[in-house]
Amino acid sequence: MEPCAPRSSGGNCFPMCHQAKEDEQAGDSEAAYENFFRSGWDMGVSRLSEYQNILASLARCSSTSGWIARAKVAQVHLDCLQQRTGG
């Protein structure tokens, strides 16, 4: 999965997504999770499959944070989305 590109360059990524990536790179998985979650609500993507990046990031960050239940929920949603979209 490719990371989302900024909207300013024609991509589909919102500021919260960029902040989440910065948080994750800085080792703050909890803040990254919260910002990936927020970016999922404001994405407004044109194809359902484009949510795969956010769901994968939610699963990864919640797992790193020790939030096992959240990680499992994100992974189930990702698996269902991939089955639905063929991704």
N, C-alpha and C. Protein backbone atom coordinates (compact mmCIF):
# COMPACT_ATOMS: atom_id res chain seq x y z
N MET A 1 0.83 -1.18 0.00
CA MET A 1 0.00 0.00 0.00
C MET A 1 0.88 1.25 0.00
N GLU A 2 0.54 2.18 -0.81
CA GLU A 2 1.30 3.41 -0.89
C GLU A 2 0.77 4.42 0.13
N PRO A 3 1.67 5.22 0.69
CA PRO A 3 1.19 6.27 1.59
C PRO A 3 0.37 7.30 0.81
N CYS A 4 -0.53 7.95 1.50
CA CYS A 4 -1.36 8.94 0.81
C CYS A 4 -0.52 10.16 0.46
N ALA A 5 -0.87 10.77 -0.64
CA ALA A 5 -0.18 11.98 -1.10
C ALA A 5 -0.96 13.20 -0.63
N PRO A 6 -0.27 14.30 -0.36
CA PRO A 6 -0.97 15.50 0.10
C PRO A 6 -1.99 16.00 -0.92
N ARG A 7 -3.09 16.53 -0.43
CA ARG A 7 -4.12 17.08 -1.31
C ARG A 7 -3.56 18.18 -2.19
N SER A 8 -2.61 18.95 -1.66
CA SER A 8 -2.04 20.07 -2.43
C SER A 8 -1.32 19.59 -3.68
N SER A 9 -0.92 18.32 -3.70
CA SER A 9 -0.26 17.78 -4.89
C SER A 9 -1.18 16.83 -5.66
N GLY A 10 -2.49 16.96 -5.42
CA GLY A 10 -3.44 16.15 -6.15
C GLY A 10 -3.77 14.83 -5.49
N GLY A 11 -3.25 14.61 -4.29
CA GLY A 11 -3.50 13.36 -3.57
C GLY A 11 -4.77 13.42 -2.74
N ASN A 12 -4.91 12.45 -1.86
CA ASN A 12 -6.12 12.36 -1.06
C ASN A 12 -5.85 12.45 0.44
N CYS A 13 -4.73 13.02 0.82
CA CYS A 13 -4.35 13.03 2.23
C CYS A 13 -4.66 14.37 2.89
N PHE A 14 -5.18 14.29 4.08
CA PHE A 14 -5.55 15.47 4.85
C PHE A 14 -4.50 15.75 5.91
N PRO A 15 -4.51 16.93 6.52
CA PRO A 15 -3.49 17.29 7.51
C PRO A 15 -3.35 16.27 8.65
N MET A 16 -4.44 15.70 9.12
CA MET A 16 -4.34 14.75 10.22
C MET A 16 -3.54 13.52 9.82
N CYS A 17 -3.62 13.14 8.57
CA CYS A 17 -2.86 12.00 8.08
C CYS A 17 -1.36 12.31 8.12
N HIS A 18 -0.99 13.50 7.71
CA HIS A 18 0.42 13.90 7.77
C HIS A 18 0.89 13.97 9.21
N GLN A 19 0.07 14.53 10.09
CA GLN A 19 0.44 14.61 11.49
C GLN A 19 0.61 13.21 12.08
N ALA A 20 -0.27 12.30 11.70
CA ALA A 20 -0.17 10.92 12.19
C ALA A 20 1.14 10.28 11.76
N LYS A 21 1.53 10.51 10.52
CA LYS A 21 2.79 9.95 10.03
C LYS A 21 3.97 10.52 10.80
N GLU A 22 3.93 11.82 11.07
CA GLU A 22 4.99 12.45 11.86
C GLU A 22 5.03 11.88 13.27
N ASP A 23 3.85 11.70 13.87
CA ASP A 23 3.77 11.13 15.21
C ASP A 23 4.36 9.73 15.23
N GLU A 24 4.01 8.93 14.24
CA GLU A 24 4.50 7.55 14.19
C GLU A 24 6.02 7.53 14.01
N GLN A 25 6.54 8.38 13.15
CA GLN A 25 7.99 8.43 12.95
C GLN A 25 8.72 8.87 14.22
N ALA A 26 8.05 9.71 15.01
CA ALA A 26 8.64 10.19 16.27
C ALA A 26 8.49 9.16 17.40
N GLY A 27 7.82 8.05 17.11
CA GLY A 27 7.65 7.01 18.11
C GLY A 27 6.45 7.19 19.02
N ASP A 28 5.57 8.11 18.67
CA ASP A 28 4.36 8.34 19.48
C ASP A 28 3.18 7.64 18.82
N SER A 29 3.10 6.32 19.04
CA SER A 29 2.06 5.51 18.39
C SER A 29 0.65 5.88 18.85
N GLU A 30 0.52 6.30 20.10
CA GLU A 30 -0.81 6.67 20.60
C GLU A 30 -1.34 7.89 19.88
N ALA A 31 -0.52 8.93 19.75
CA ALA A 31 -0.94 10.13 19.02
C ALA A 31 -1.15 9.81 17.55
N ALA A 32 -0.30 8.95 17.00
CA ALA A 32 -0.45 8.56 15.59
C ALA A 32 -1.79 7.87 15.38
N TYR A 33 -2.15 6.96 16.29
CA TYR A 33 -3.44 6.27 16.17
C TYR A 33 -4.58 7.28 16.15
N GLU A 34 -4.57 8.21 17.10
CA GLU A 34 -5.65 9.20 17.19
C GLU A 34 -5.74 10.03 15.92
N ASN A 35 -4.61 10.41 15.36
CA ASN A 35 -4.63 11.23 14.15
C ASN A 35 -4.97 10.43 12.90
N PHE A 36 -4.55 9.16 12.83
CA PHE A 36 -5.00 8.32 11.72
C PHE A 36 -6.51 8.13 11.80
N PHE A 37 -7.02 7.94 13.01
CA PHE A 37 -8.46 7.78 13.21
C PHE A 37 -9.19 9.02 12.70
N ARG A 38 -8.72 10.19 13.10
CA ARG A 38 -9.34 11.45 12.65
C ARG A 38 -9.24 11.61 11.14
N SER A 39 -8.11 11.22 10.57
CA SER A 39 -7.96 11.36 9.12
C SER A 39 -8.92 10.45 8.37
N GLY A 40 -9.27 9.32 8.97
CA GLY A 40 -10.24 8.42 8.35
C GLY A 40 -11.61 9.04 8.22
N TRP A 41 -11.96 9.90 9.16
CA TRP A 41 -13.27 10.53 9.12
C TRP A 41 -13.31 11.69 8.14
N ASP A 42 -12.18 12.34 7.90
CA ASP A 42 -12.23 13.50 7.00
C ASP A 42 -11.69 13.21 5.60
N MET A 43 -11.31 11.98 5.33
CA MET A 43 -10.73 11.65 4.03
C MET A 43 -11.68 11.92 2.87
N GLY A 44 -12.88 11.37 2.93
CA GLY A 44 -13.81 11.57 1.84
C GLY A 44 -13.26 11.04 0.52
N VAL A 45 -12.64 9.88 0.55
CA VAL A 45 -12.01 9.34 -0.64
C VAL A 45 -13.04 8.91 -1.67
N SER A 46 -12.61 8.82 -2.91
CA SER A 46 -13.54 8.48 -3.99
C SER A 46 -13.73 6.97 -4.13
N ARG A 47 -12.74 6.19 -3.71
CA ARG A 47 -12.86 4.73 -3.78
C ARG A 47 -12.73 4.15 -2.39
N LEU A 48 -13.58 3.22 -2.06
CA LEU A 48 -13.57 2.59 -0.75
C LEU A 48 -12.22 1.95 -0.44
N SER A 49 -11.57 1.42 -1.44
CA SER A 49 -10.28 0.74 -1.23
C SER A 49 -9.20 1.69 -0.72
N GLU A 50 -9.38 2.98 -0.90
CA GLU A 50 -8.38 3.94 -0.46
C GLU A 50 -8.29 4.04 1.06
N TYR A 51 -9.26 3.48 1.76
CA TYR A 51 -9.22 3.48 3.22
C TYR A 51 -8.28 2.41 3.76
N GLN A 52 -7.75 1.56 2.89
CA GLN A 52 -6.88 0.49 3.34
C GLN A 52 -5.64 1.01 4.07
N ASN A 53 -5.06 2.09 3.56
CA ASN A 53 -3.86 2.66 4.21
C ASN A 53 -4.17 3.10 5.64
N ILE A 54 -5.30 3.75 5.82
CA ILE A 54 -5.65 4.23 7.16
C ILE A 54 -5.91 3.05 8.09
N LEU A 55 -6.65 2.07 7.63
CA LEU A 55 -6.94 0.91 8.49
C LEU A 55 -5.67 0.15 8.84
N ALA A 56 -4.78 -0.02 7.90
CA ALA A 56 -3.51 -0.69 8.18
C ALA A 56 -2.70 0.11 9.21
N SER A 57 -2.72 1.41 9.07
CA SER A 57 -2.01 2.27 10.02
C SER A 57 -2.64 2.21 11.41
N LEU A 58 -3.97 2.18 11.45
CA LEU A 58 -4.66 2.05 12.75
C LEU A 58 -4.28 0.74 13.43
N ALA A 59 -4.27 -0.34 12.66
CA ALA A 59 -3.92 -1.65 13.22
C ALA A 59 -2.49 -1.64 13.74
N ARG A 60 -1.58 -1.09 12.97
CA ARG A 60 -0.16 -1.05 13.35
C ARG A 60 0.08 -0.20 14.59
N CYS A 61 -0.49 1.01 14.60
CA CYS A 61 -0.25 1.93 15.72
C CYS A 61 -0.91 1.46 17.01
N SER A 62 -2.11 0.90 16.88
CA SER A 62 -2.77 0.42 18.10
C SER A 62 -2.04 -0.80 18.65
N SER A 63 -1.52 -1.64 17.79
CA SER A 63 -0.76 -2.80 18.25
C SER A 63 0.52 -2.34 18.96
N THR A 64 1.22 -1.38 18.36
CA THR A 64 2.44 -0.84 18.95
C THR A 64 2.15 -0.18 20.30
N SER A 65 0.97 0.40 20.43
CA SER A 65 0.58 1.06 21.69
C SER A 65 0.11 0.07 22.74
N GLY A 66 -0.04 -1.20 22.35
CA GLY A 66 -0.50 -2.20 23.29
C GLY A 66 -2.01 -2.28 23.40
N TRP A 67 -2.70 -1.66 22.46
CA TRP A 67 -4.17 -1.66 22.45
C TRP A 67 -4.63 -2.82 21.57
N ILE A 68 -4.59 -4.00 22.13
CA ILE A 68 -4.85 -5.22 21.37
C ILE A 68 -6.25 -5.24 20.77
N ALA A 69 -7.26 -4.85 21.56
CA ALA A 69 -8.64 -4.87 21.04
C ALA A 69 -8.79 -3.92 19.86
N ARG A 70 -8.24 -2.73 19.96
CA ARG A 70 -8.32 -1.77 18.85
C ARG A 70 -7.58 -2.30 17.62
N ALA A 71 -6.45 -2.94 17.86
CA ALA A 71 -5.69 -3.49 16.74
C ALA A 71 -6.50 -4.57 16.03
N LYS A 72 -7.16 -5.41 16.80
CA LYS A 72 -7.96 -6.48 16.21
C LYS A 72 -9.16 -5.93 15.44
N VAL A 73 -9.80 -4.91 15.99
CA VAL A 73 -10.94 -4.29 15.30
C VAL A 73 -10.49 -3.68 13.98
N ALA A 74 -9.39 -2.94 14.01
CA ALA A 74 -8.88 -2.33 12.77
C ALA A 74 -8.51 -3.40 11.75
N GLN A 75 -7.90 -4.49 12.21
CA GLN A 75 -7.50 -5.56 11.30
C GLN A 75 -8.72 -6.25 10.70
N VAL A 76 -9.76 -6.47 11.49
CA VAL A 76 -10.99 -7.08 10.97
C VAL A 76 -11.61 -6.18 9.91
N HIS A 77 -11.65 -4.88 10.17
CA HIS A 77 -12.20 -3.95 9.18
C HIS A 77 -11.36 -3.96 7.91
N LEU A 78 -10.05 -3.98 8.07
CA LEU A 78 -9.16 -4.02 6.91
C LEU A 78 -9.37 -5.31 6.11
N ASP A 79 -9.43 -6.44 6.80
CA ASP A 79 -9.65 -7.72 6.12
C ASP A 79 -10.97 -7.73 5.35
N CYS A 80 -12.02 -7.23 5.99
CA CYS A 80 -13.33 -7.17 5.33
C CYS A 80 -13.31 -6.25 4.12
N LEU A 81 -12.65 -5.12 4.26
CA LEU A 81 -12.55 -4.18 3.14
C LEU A 81 -11.78 -4.80 1.98
N GLN A 82 -10.69 -5.48 2.29
CA GLN A 82 -9.91 -6.11 1.24
C GLN A 82 -10.70 -7.21 0.53
N GLN A 83 -11.49 -7.96 1.28
CA GLN A 83 -12.33 -8.97 0.66
C GLN A 83 -13.38 -8.34 -0.23
N ARG A 84 -13.93 -7.24 0.24
CA ARG A 84 -14.99 -6.56 -0.51
C ARG A 84 -14.48 -5.91 -1.78
N THR A 85 -13.26 -5.35 -1.71
CA THR A 85 -12.73 -4.60 -2.84
C THR A 85 -11.75 -5.40 -3.68
N GLY A 86 -11.45 -6.61 -3.24
CA GLY A 86 -10.50 -7.43 -3.98
C GLY A 86 -9.06 -7.00 -3.77
N GLY A 87 -8.83 -6.23 -2.69
CA GLY A 87 -7.49 -5.71 -2.44
C GLY A 87 -6.74 -6.56 -1.53
